[in-house]
Amino acid sequence: ELIGPEGVRQVPVSEFYTGPGKTVRRRDEVLTAFRIRREDYEGYYGHYMKYGKRRAMEIATLGCACLVKLSEDKKTLEDLRIAYGVAAPTPMRCRKAEDALRGRSLSLDTVQELGRLVQEEVTPRDSWRASKAFRLQLVKELGMRAFAEAAVRAGGDRVYQIGGGADA
């Protein structure tokens, strides 16, 4: 939600970012709120991960947020939302991966498939902070970790741990 001399303007977040460091906000507007519908968060559990060289005051090399909604028995992925910052010119969701994995069982295979699918959707670039190849590896690994942790927070079994395997 943006407020300026012409009043209040609501812009979907998917349309807010227009390019690297650019948004639809006009010079005379202030971003005052993000409005999220109840059905877009009730029953969802999430996890955010960022990779940077330092912990404090660091611009992320890559950031990944994942939301999951599991079935009542906590075995099936009812819904998934996965988004990245610094994996493309603007923040982005991996909608093809989300669509492909909806309805799948919560398993190591599903986590690994997510890692493969998200790499196909992102368009990272080389920069002084990280190479494209390194960012692609981060996309995969942070996506799998954020997804697995969000699923645990939702009540599912831990099916993935650092290093790529299932718990022993």
N, C-alpha and C. Protein backbone atom coordinates (compact mmCIF):
# COMPACT_ATOMS: atom_id res chain seq x y z
N GLU A 1 0.85 -1.17 0.00
CA GLU A 1 0.00 0.00 0.00
C GLU A 1 0.90 1.23 0.00
N LEU A 2 0.68 2.11 -0.95
CA LEU A 2 1.44 3.34 -1.10
C LEU A 2 0.53 4.53 -0.85
N ILE A 3 1.03 5.55 -0.17
CA ILE A 3 0.25 6.76 0.08
C ILE A 3 1.03 7.96 -0.45
N GLY A 4 0.31 8.80 -1.19
CA GLY A 4 0.90 10.01 -1.74
C GLY A 4 -0.15 11.09 -1.86
N PRO A 5 0.18 12.19 -2.51
CA PRO A 5 -0.74 13.31 -2.65
C PRO A 5 -2.05 12.94 -3.35
N GLU A 6 -2.01 11.92 -4.20
CA GLU A 6 -3.22 11.50 -4.92
C GLU A 6 -4.04 10.47 -4.14
N GLY A 7 -3.59 10.11 -2.95
CA GLY A 7 -4.33 9.17 -2.13
C GLY A 7 -3.60 7.85 -1.96
N VAL A 8 -4.38 6.82 -1.62
CA VAL A 8 -3.85 5.48 -1.36
C VAL A 8 -3.87 4.68 -2.66
N ARG A 9 -2.78 3.96 -2.89
CA ARG A 9 -2.68 3.11 -4.08
C ARG A 9 -2.20 1.73 -3.63
N GLN A 10 -2.93 0.70 -4.07
CA GLN A 10 -2.51 -0.66 -3.75
C GLN A 10 -1.94 -1.31 -4.99
N VAL A 11 -0.76 -1.93 -4.81
CA VAL A 11 -0.04 -2.57 -5.90
C VAL A 11 0.30 -3.99 -5.46
N PRO A 12 -0.02 -5.00 -6.26
CA PRO A 12 0.40 -6.36 -5.90
C PRO A 12 1.92 -6.43 -5.78
N VAL A 13 2.42 -7.15 -4.80
CA VAL A 13 3.86 -7.22 -4.58
C VAL A 13 4.57 -7.76 -5.83
N SER A 14 3.91 -8.60 -6.59
CA SER A 14 4.51 -9.15 -7.81
C SER A 14 4.76 -8.07 -8.87
N GLU A 15 4.09 -6.93 -8.72
CA GLU A 15 4.27 -5.82 -9.66
C GLU A 15 5.05 -4.66 -9.06
N PHE A 16 5.43 -4.74 -7.79
CA PHE A 16 6.08 -3.63 -7.10
C PHE A 16 7.50 -3.39 -7.61
N TYR A 17 8.28 -4.45 -7.76
CA TYR A 17 9.67 -4.33 -8.22
C TYR A 17 9.69 -4.35 -9.74
N THR A 18 10.38 -3.36 -10.33
CA THR A 18 10.41 -3.24 -11.79
C THR A 18 11.79 -3.52 -12.38
N GLY A 19 12.81 -3.56 -11.57
CA GLY A 19 14.17 -3.81 -12.03
C GLY A 19 15.11 -3.70 -10.86
N PRO A 20 16.39 -3.95 -11.07
CA PRO A 20 17.34 -3.87 -9.97
C PRO A 20 17.30 -2.48 -9.31
N GLY A 21 16.92 -2.45 -8.05
CA GLY A 21 16.86 -1.20 -7.30
C GLY A 21 15.73 -0.27 -7.70
N LYS A 22 14.76 -0.77 -8.49
CA LYS A 22 13.67 0.08 -8.96
C LYS A 22 12.32 -0.52 -8.58
N THR A 23 11.37 0.38 -8.24
CA THR A 23 10.02 -0.03 -7.89
C THR A 23 9.02 0.90 -8.57
N VAL A 24 7.75 0.61 -8.40
CA VAL A 24 6.69 1.47 -8.96
C VAL A 24 6.38 2.66 -8.05
N ARG A 25 7.03 2.74 -6.89
CA ARG A 25 6.79 3.85 -5.96
C ARG A 25 7.22 5.16 -6.61
N ARG A 26 6.30 6.11 -6.58
CA ARG A 26 6.61 7.43 -7.11
C ARG A 26 7.39 8.23 -6.07
N ARG A 27 8.09 9.25 -6.52
CA ARG A 27 8.93 10.07 -5.62
C ARG A 27 8.13 10.69 -4.48
N ASP A 28 6.86 10.94 -4.70
CA ASP A 28 6.04 11.59 -3.67
C ASP A 28 5.18 10.60 -2.89
N GLU A 29 5.50 9.31 -2.97
CA GLU A 29 4.74 8.28 -2.25
C GLU A 29 5.59 7.63 -1.17
N VAL A 30 4.88 7.09 -0.17
CA VAL A 30 5.52 6.35 0.91
C VAL A 30 4.86 4.97 0.98
N LEU A 31 5.68 3.94 1.07
CA LEU A 31 5.16 2.58 1.29
C LEU A 31 4.75 2.49 2.75
N THR A 32 3.47 2.23 3.00
CA THR A 32 2.97 2.23 4.38
C THR A 32 2.56 0.86 4.90
N ALA A 33 2.29 -0.10 4.00
CA ALA A 33 1.82 -1.39 4.49
C ALA A 33 1.95 -2.46 3.42
N PHE A 34 2.04 -3.70 3.88
CA PHE A 34 1.88 -4.87 3.04
C PHE A 34 0.60 -5.54 3.52
N ARG A 35 -0.36 -5.71 2.68
CA ARG A 35 -1.63 -6.34 3.03
C ARG A 35 -1.59 -7.81 2.59
N ILE A 36 -1.85 -8.70 3.54
CA ILE A 36 -1.83 -10.13 3.26
C ILE A 36 -3.17 -10.71 3.67
N ARG A 37 -3.84 -11.36 2.72
CA ARG A 37 -5.14 -11.96 3.02
C ARG A 37 -4.97 -13.14 3.98
N ARG A 38 -5.94 -13.31 4.85
CA ARG A 38 -5.90 -14.38 5.85
C ARG A 38 -5.66 -15.76 5.22
N GLU A 39 -6.33 -16.03 4.11
CA GLU A 39 -6.18 -17.35 3.47
C GLU A 39 -4.78 -17.57 2.90
N ASP A 40 -3.99 -16.52 2.80
CA ASP A 40 -2.63 -16.65 2.30
C ASP A 40 -1.60 -16.89 3.40
N TYR A 41 -2.06 -16.95 4.66
CA TYR A 41 -1.11 -17.28 5.73
C TYR A 41 -1.66 -18.29 6.74
N GLU A 42 -2.96 -18.40 6.89
CA GLU A 42 -3.50 -19.35 7.87
C GLU A 42 -3.18 -20.78 7.45
N GLY A 43 -2.58 -21.53 8.37
CA GLY A 43 -2.24 -22.92 8.12
C GLY A 43 -0.90 -23.10 7.43
N TYR A 44 -0.24 -22.01 7.11
CA TYR A 44 1.08 -22.07 6.47
C TYR A 44 2.17 -21.91 7.53
N TYR A 45 3.30 -22.55 7.28
CA TYR A 45 4.46 -22.40 8.14
C TYR A 45 5.64 -22.11 7.23
N GLY A 46 6.53 -21.27 7.70
CA GLY A 46 7.60 -20.85 6.81
C GLY A 46 8.96 -20.80 7.45
N HIS A 47 9.93 -20.58 6.58
CA HIS A 47 11.31 -20.42 7.01
C HIS A 47 12.02 -19.54 5.99
N TYR A 48 12.87 -18.65 6.49
CA TYR A 48 13.68 -17.77 5.64
C TYR A 48 15.15 -18.03 5.92
N MET A 49 15.93 -18.09 4.86
CA MET A 49 17.37 -18.26 5.01
C MET A 49 18.06 -17.26 4.11
N LYS A 50 19.19 -16.76 4.58
CA LYS A 50 19.98 -15.85 3.77
C LYS A 50 21.43 -16.29 3.83
N TYR A 51 22.11 -16.10 2.73
CA TYR A 51 23.54 -16.36 2.70
C TYR A 51 24.26 -15.04 2.50
N GLY A 52 25.22 -14.78 3.35
CA GLY A 52 26.07 -13.60 3.24
C GLY A 52 27.40 -13.93 3.88
N LYS A 53 28.38 -13.14 3.60
CA LYS A 53 29.72 -13.43 4.12
C LYS A 53 29.88 -13.08 5.59
N ARG A 54 29.04 -12.16 6.09
CA ARG A 54 29.08 -11.79 7.50
C ARG A 54 27.67 -11.87 8.07
N ARG A 55 27.54 -11.94 9.37
CA ARG A 55 26.22 -12.01 10.00
C ARG A 55 25.59 -10.63 10.16
N ALA A 56 26.38 -9.64 10.48
CA ALA A 56 25.83 -8.32 10.80
C ALA A 56 25.92 -7.38 9.60
N MET A 57 24.86 -6.59 9.39
CA MET A 57 24.86 -5.53 8.39
C MET A 57 25.32 -6.03 7.02
N GLU A 58 24.87 -7.15 6.63
CA GLU A 58 25.32 -7.76 5.38
C GLU A 58 24.24 -7.69 4.33
N ILE A 59 24.61 -7.29 3.14
CA ILE A 59 23.72 -7.41 2.00
C ILE A 59 23.78 -8.87 1.58
N ALA A 60 22.63 -9.50 1.46
CA ALA A 60 22.60 -10.93 1.16
C ALA A 60 23.15 -11.23 -0.22
N THR A 61 23.93 -12.30 -0.31
CA THR A 61 24.34 -12.85 -1.59
C THR A 61 23.14 -13.54 -2.22
N LEU A 62 22.31 -14.15 -1.36
CA LEU A 62 21.07 -14.78 -1.79
C LEU A 62 20.17 -14.94 -0.58
N GLY A 63 18.87 -14.76 -0.77
CA GLY A 63 17.89 -15.00 0.28
C GLY A 63 16.78 -15.88 -0.25
N CYS A 64 16.26 -16.77 0.59
CA CYS A 64 15.20 -17.70 0.18
C CYS A 64 14.15 -17.79 1.29
N ALA A 65 12.89 -17.62 0.90
CA ALA A 65 11.77 -17.78 1.82
C ALA A 65 10.87 -18.89 1.31
N CYS A 66 10.43 -19.75 2.21
CA CYS A 66 9.57 -20.86 1.81
C CYS A 66 8.40 -20.98 2.79
N LEU A 67 7.20 -21.11 2.24
CA LEU A 67 6.00 -21.36 3.03
C LEU A 67 5.42 -22.70 2.60
N VAL A 68 4.98 -23.50 3.55
CA VAL A 68 4.33 -24.76 3.22
C VAL A 68 3.04 -24.91 4.01
N LYS A 69 2.14 -25.64 3.41
CA LYS A 69 0.90 -26.04 4.07
C LYS A 69 0.79 -27.54 3.83
N LEU A 70 0.77 -28.30 4.92
CA LEU A 70 0.71 -29.75 4.81
C LEU A 70 -0.72 -30.26 5.00
N SER A 71 -0.94 -31.47 4.52
CA SER A 71 -2.24 -32.13 4.72
C SER A 71 -2.44 -32.39 6.21
N GLU A 72 -3.65 -32.77 6.57
CA GLU A 72 -3.98 -33.01 7.97
C GLU A 72 -3.08 -34.06 8.60
N ASP A 73 -2.72 -35.10 7.84
CA ASP A 73 -1.85 -36.16 8.38
C ASP A 73 -0.36 -35.80 8.31
N LYS A 74 -0.04 -34.61 7.80
CA LYS A 74 1.33 -34.08 7.73
C LYS A 74 2.24 -34.87 6.79
N LYS A 75 1.66 -35.59 5.84
CA LYS A 75 2.45 -36.43 4.93
C LYS A 75 2.49 -35.89 3.51
N THR A 76 1.57 -34.97 3.16
CA THR A 76 1.44 -34.48 1.79
C THR A 76 1.53 -32.97 1.75
N LEU A 77 2.15 -32.48 0.72
CA LEU A 77 2.31 -31.04 0.52
C LEU A 77 1.06 -30.49 -0.15
N GLU A 78 0.22 -29.80 0.63
CA GLU A 78 -0.99 -29.19 0.08
C GLU A 78 -0.66 -27.96 -0.75
N ASP A 79 0.26 -27.14 -0.23
CA ASP A 79 0.64 -25.94 -0.96
C ASP A 79 2.07 -25.57 -0.60
N LEU A 80 2.70 -24.86 -1.51
CA LEU A 80 4.09 -24.45 -1.36
C LEU A 80 4.27 -23.10 -2.02
N ARG A 81 5.03 -22.25 -1.38
CA ARG A 81 5.42 -20.97 -1.97
C ARG A 81 6.90 -20.78 -1.68
N ILE A 82 7.66 -20.54 -2.72
CA ILE A 82 9.10 -20.36 -2.55
C ILE A 82 9.55 -19.14 -3.34
N ALA A 83 10.28 -18.26 -2.66
CA ALA A 83 10.70 -17.01 -3.28
C ALA A 83 12.16 -16.74 -2.98
N TYR A 84 12.79 -16.02 -3.89
CA TYR A 84 14.20 -15.69 -3.76
C TYR A 84 14.43 -14.20 -3.95
N GLY A 85 15.42 -13.71 -3.25
CA GLY A 85 15.97 -12.39 -3.50
C GLY A 85 17.38 -12.56 -4.00
N VAL A 86 17.80 -11.78 -4.93
CA VAL A 86 19.12 -11.78 -5.55
C VAL A 86 19.34 -13.04 -6.41
N ALA A 87 18.28 -13.65 -6.89
CA ALA A 87 18.39 -14.79 -7.80
C ALA A 87 17.94 -14.41 -9.20
N ALA A 88 17.53 -13.18 -9.35
CA ALA A 88 17.06 -12.62 -10.62
C ALA A 88 17.15 -11.10 -10.47
N PRO A 89 16.84 -10.35 -11.52
CA PRO A 89 16.92 -8.89 -11.40
C PRO A 89 16.00 -8.31 -10.32
N THR A 90 14.91 -8.99 -10.01
CA THR A 90 13.99 -8.55 -8.95
C THR A 90 13.66 -9.77 -8.09
N PRO A 91 13.13 -9.56 -6.87
CA PRO A 91 12.68 -10.71 -6.07
C PRO A 91 11.68 -11.52 -6.89
N MET A 92 11.72 -12.83 -6.72
CA MET A 92 10.86 -13.68 -7.55
C MET A 92 10.38 -14.92 -6.82
N ARG A 93 9.22 -15.42 -7.27
CA ARG A 93 8.72 -16.71 -6.82
C ARG A 93 8.99 -17.74 -7.90
N CYS A 94 9.14 -18.97 -7.49
CA CYS A 94 9.34 -20.08 -8.42
C CYS A 94 8.01 -20.82 -8.57
N ARG A 95 7.13 -20.25 -9.36
CA ARG A 95 5.76 -20.76 -9.49
C ARG A 95 5.69 -22.11 -10.19
N LYS A 96 6.58 -22.37 -11.14
CA LYS A 96 6.56 -23.67 -11.81
C LYS A 96 6.92 -24.78 -10.82
N ALA A 97 7.91 -24.54 -9.97
CA ALA A 97 8.28 -25.52 -8.95
C ALA A 97 7.12 -25.72 -7.97
N GLU A 98 6.48 -24.61 -7.57
CA GLU A 98 5.34 -24.70 -6.66
C GLU A 98 4.25 -25.58 -7.25
N ASP A 99 3.91 -25.34 -8.51
CA ASP A 99 2.85 -26.11 -9.18
C ASP A 99 3.22 -27.58 -9.32
N ALA A 100 4.49 -27.85 -9.64
CA ALA A 100 4.93 -29.23 -9.86
C ALA A 100 4.93 -30.06 -8.58
N LEU A 101 5.15 -29.42 -7.44
CA LEU A 101 5.30 -30.17 -6.19
C LEU A 101 4.03 -30.23 -5.34
N ARG A 102 3.05 -29.41 -5.66
CA ARG A 102 1.79 -29.43 -4.92
C ARG A 102 1.18 -30.82 -5.01
N GLY A 103 0.79 -31.38 -3.88
CA GLY A 103 0.18 -32.71 -3.85
C GLY A 103 1.17 -33.85 -3.69
N ARG A 104 2.45 -33.56 -3.71
CA ARG A 104 3.47 -34.60 -3.55
C ARG A 104 3.64 -34.98 -2.09
N SER A 105 4.14 -36.18 -1.86
CA SER A 105 4.39 -36.62 -0.49
C SER A 105 5.63 -35.89 0.04
N LEU A 106 5.65 -35.71 1.34
CA LEU A 106 6.80 -35.09 1.99
C LEU A 106 7.88 -36.15 2.11
N SER A 107 8.91 -36.03 1.27
CA SER A 107 9.97 -37.04 1.23
C SER A 107 11.28 -36.40 0.77
N LEU A 108 12.36 -37.14 0.91
CA LEU A 108 13.66 -36.68 0.43
C LEU A 108 13.61 -36.46 -1.08
N ASP A 109 12.91 -37.31 -1.81
CA ASP A 109 12.78 -37.14 -3.27
C ASP A 109 12.12 -35.80 -3.61
N THR A 110 11.11 -35.41 -2.85
CA THR A 110 10.41 -34.14 -3.09
C THR A 110 11.35 -32.97 -2.82
N VAL A 111 12.13 -33.04 -1.75
CA VAL A 111 13.09 -31.99 -1.43
C VAL A 111 14.12 -31.86 -2.55
N GLN A 112 14.64 -32.98 -3.02
CA GLN A 112 15.64 -32.96 -4.09
C GLN A 112 15.04 -32.46 -5.41
N GLU A 113 13.80 -32.82 -5.68
CA GLU A 113 13.13 -32.32 -6.88
C GLU A 113 12.95 -30.81 -6.80
N LEU A 114 12.62 -30.30 -5.62
CA LEU A 114 12.53 -28.85 -5.45
C LEU A 114 13.86 -28.20 -5.81
N GLY A 115 14.96 -28.75 -5.33
CA GLY A 115 16.28 -28.20 -5.64
C GLY A 115 16.55 -28.13 -7.12
N ARG A 116 16.15 -29.15 -7.84
CA ARG A 116 16.36 -29.18 -9.29
C ARG A 116 15.46 -28.16 -9.99
N LEU A 117 14.19 -28.12 -9.60
CA LEU A 117 13.22 -27.25 -10.27
C LEU A 117 13.50 -25.76 -10.07
N VAL A 118 13.89 -25.37 -8.86
CA VAL A 118 14.12 -23.94 -8.63
C VAL A 118 15.32 -23.44 -9.43
N GLN A 119 16.31 -24.29 -9.63
CA GLN A 119 17.47 -23.88 -10.43
C GLN A 119 17.08 -23.57 -11.88
N GLU A 120 16.02 -24.22 -12.37
CA GLU A 120 15.57 -23.98 -13.74
C GLU A 120 14.84 -22.64 -13.89
N GLU A 121 14.33 -22.09 -12.80
CA GLU A 121 13.52 -20.87 -12.88
C GLU A 121 14.27 -19.58 -12.61
N VAL A 122 15.33 -19.64 -11.85
CA VAL A 122 16.03 -18.42 -11.47
C VAL A 122 16.99 -17.97 -12.57
N THR A 123 17.35 -16.70 -12.54
CA THR A 123 18.30 -16.15 -13.51
C THR A 123 19.34 -15.29 -12.80
N PRO A 124 20.17 -15.92 -11.96
CA PRO A 124 21.18 -15.14 -11.25
C PRO A 124 22.26 -14.63 -12.20
N ARG A 125 23.00 -13.65 -11.74
CA ARG A 125 24.06 -13.08 -12.55
C ARG A 125 25.38 -13.12 -11.79
N ASP A 126 26.45 -12.96 -12.53
CA ASP A 126 27.76 -12.80 -11.91
C ASP A 126 27.85 -11.40 -11.31
N SER A 127 28.48 -11.28 -10.16
CA SER A 127 28.75 -9.96 -9.57
C SER A 127 29.99 -10.09 -8.71
N TRP A 128 30.40 -8.98 -8.15
CA TRP A 128 31.58 -9.01 -7.29
C TRP A 128 31.35 -9.82 -6.02
N ARG A 129 30.07 -10.02 -5.65
CA ARG A 129 29.79 -10.79 -4.43
C ARG A 129 29.77 -12.29 -4.66
N ALA A 130 29.35 -12.72 -5.85
CA ALA A 130 29.26 -14.16 -6.11
C ALA A 130 29.09 -14.41 -7.60
N SER A 131 29.61 -15.53 -8.05
CA SER A 131 29.45 -15.92 -9.46
C SER A 131 28.05 -16.49 -9.68
N LYS A 132 27.64 -16.52 -10.92
CA LYS A 132 26.35 -17.12 -11.28
C LYS A 132 26.31 -18.58 -10.84
N ALA A 133 27.40 -19.31 -11.09
CA ALA A 133 27.45 -20.73 -10.73
C ALA A 133 27.29 -20.93 -9.21
N PHE A 134 27.95 -20.07 -8.42
CA PHE A 134 27.83 -20.18 -6.97
C PHE A 134 26.41 -19.86 -6.53
N ARG A 135 25.81 -18.82 -7.12
CA ARG A 135 24.44 -18.47 -6.76
C ARG A 135 23.47 -19.61 -7.12
N LEU A 136 23.68 -20.26 -8.26
CA LEU A 136 22.82 -21.39 -8.63
C LEU A 136 22.90 -22.51 -7.59
N GLN A 137 24.09 -22.77 -7.08
CA GLN A 137 24.24 -23.79 -6.03
C GLN A 137 23.54 -23.34 -4.76
N LEU A 138 23.65 -22.04 -4.43
CA LEU A 138 22.95 -21.51 -3.25
C LEU A 138 21.44 -21.61 -3.41
N VAL A 139 20.93 -21.32 -4.62
CA VAL A 139 19.49 -21.42 -4.89
C VAL A 139 19.00 -22.82 -4.54
N LYS A 140 19.72 -23.80 -5.02
CA LYS A 140 19.34 -25.20 -4.77
C LYS A 140 19.40 -25.52 -3.27
N GLU A 141 20.54 -25.27 -2.66
CA GLU A 141 20.74 -25.68 -1.27
C GLU A 141 19.86 -24.90 -0.29
N LEU A 142 19.78 -23.58 -0.45
CA LEU A 142 18.93 -22.81 0.46
C LEU A 142 17.47 -23.16 0.26
N GLY A 143 17.07 -23.41 -0.98
CA GLY A 143 15.69 -23.81 -1.24
C GLY A 143 15.33 -25.11 -0.55
N MET A 144 16.22 -26.10 -0.68
CA MET A 144 15.96 -27.40 -0.05
C MET A 144 15.93 -27.26 1.47
N ARG A 145 16.86 -26.51 2.03
CA ARG A 145 16.91 -26.34 3.48
C ARG A 145 15.70 -25.58 4.01
N ALA A 146 15.33 -24.48 3.33
CA ALA A 146 14.19 -23.68 3.78
C ALA A 146 12.90 -24.49 3.68
N PHE A 147 12.74 -25.24 2.60
CA PHE A 147 11.56 -26.09 2.41
C PHE A 147 11.48 -27.15 3.52
N ALA A 148 12.59 -27.84 3.75
CA ALA A 148 12.60 -28.91 4.76
C ALA A 148 12.30 -28.35 6.15
N GLU A 149 12.86 -27.20 6.49
CA GLU A 149 12.62 -26.60 7.80
C GLU A 149 11.18 -26.12 7.94
N ALA A 150 10.64 -25.53 6.88
CA ALA A 150 9.24 -25.08 6.92
C ALA A 150 8.32 -26.28 7.12
N ALA A 151 8.63 -27.39 6.48
CA ALA A 151 7.80 -28.60 6.63
C ALA A 151 7.85 -29.13 8.06
N VAL A 152 9.03 -29.09 8.68
CA VAL A 152 9.15 -29.51 10.09
C VAL A 152 8.32 -28.59 10.99
N ARG A 153 8.39 -27.28 10.72
CA ARG A 153 7.61 -26.33 11.51
C ARG A 153 6.11 -26.56 11.34
N ALA A 154 5.73 -27.11 10.18
CA ALA A 154 4.32 -27.40 9.91
C ALA A 154 3.88 -28.72 10.54
N GLY A 155 4.82 -29.45 11.14
CA GLY A 155 4.49 -30.71 11.80
C GLY A 155 4.91 -31.94 11.04
N GLY A 156 5.59 -31.77 9.92
CA GLY A 156 6.04 -32.91 9.13
C GLY A 156 7.32 -33.50 9.67
N ASP A 157 7.66 -34.68 9.17
CA ASP A 157 8.91 -35.34 9.54
C ASP A 157 10.09 -34.61 8.91
N ARG A 158 11.26 -34.68 9.56
CA ARG A 158 12.48 -34.12 8.98
C ARG A 158 12.96 -35.12 7.93
N VAL A 159 12.93 -34.70 6.68
CA VAL A 159 13.32 -35.59 5.58
C VAL A 159 14.62 -35.17 4.92
N TYR A 160 15.20 -34.05 5.37
CA TYR A 160 16.42 -33.55 4.77
C TYR A 160 17.23 -32.83 5.83
N GLN A 161 18.54 -33.02 5.76
CA GLN A 161 19.43 -32.31 6.67
C GLN A 161 20.62 -31.81 5.89
N ILE A 162 21.40 -30.93 6.49
CA ILE A 162 22.59 -30.41 5.83
C ILE A 162 23.47 -31.57 5.39
N GLY A 163 23.91 -31.54 4.17
CA GLY A 163 24.69 -32.62 3.62
C GLY A 163 23.87 -33.48 2.66
N GLY A 164 22.56 -33.23 2.62
CA GLY A 164 21.73 -33.84 1.60
C GLY A 164 21.05 -35.16 1.93
N GLY A 165 21.20 -35.66 3.14
CA GLY A 165 20.58 -36.94 3.43
C GLY A 165 19.39 -36.83 4.37
N ALA A 166 18.72 -37.94 4.56
CA ALA A 166 17.63 -38.00 5.52
C ALA A 166 18.23 -38.29 6.89
N ASP A 167 17.48 -37.99 7.94
CA ASP A 167 17.95 -38.30 9.28
C ASP A 167 18.15 -39.81 9.43
N ALA A 168 19.13 -40.17 10.22
CA ALA A 168 19.42 -41.59 10.44
C ALA A 168 18.46 -42.18 11.45
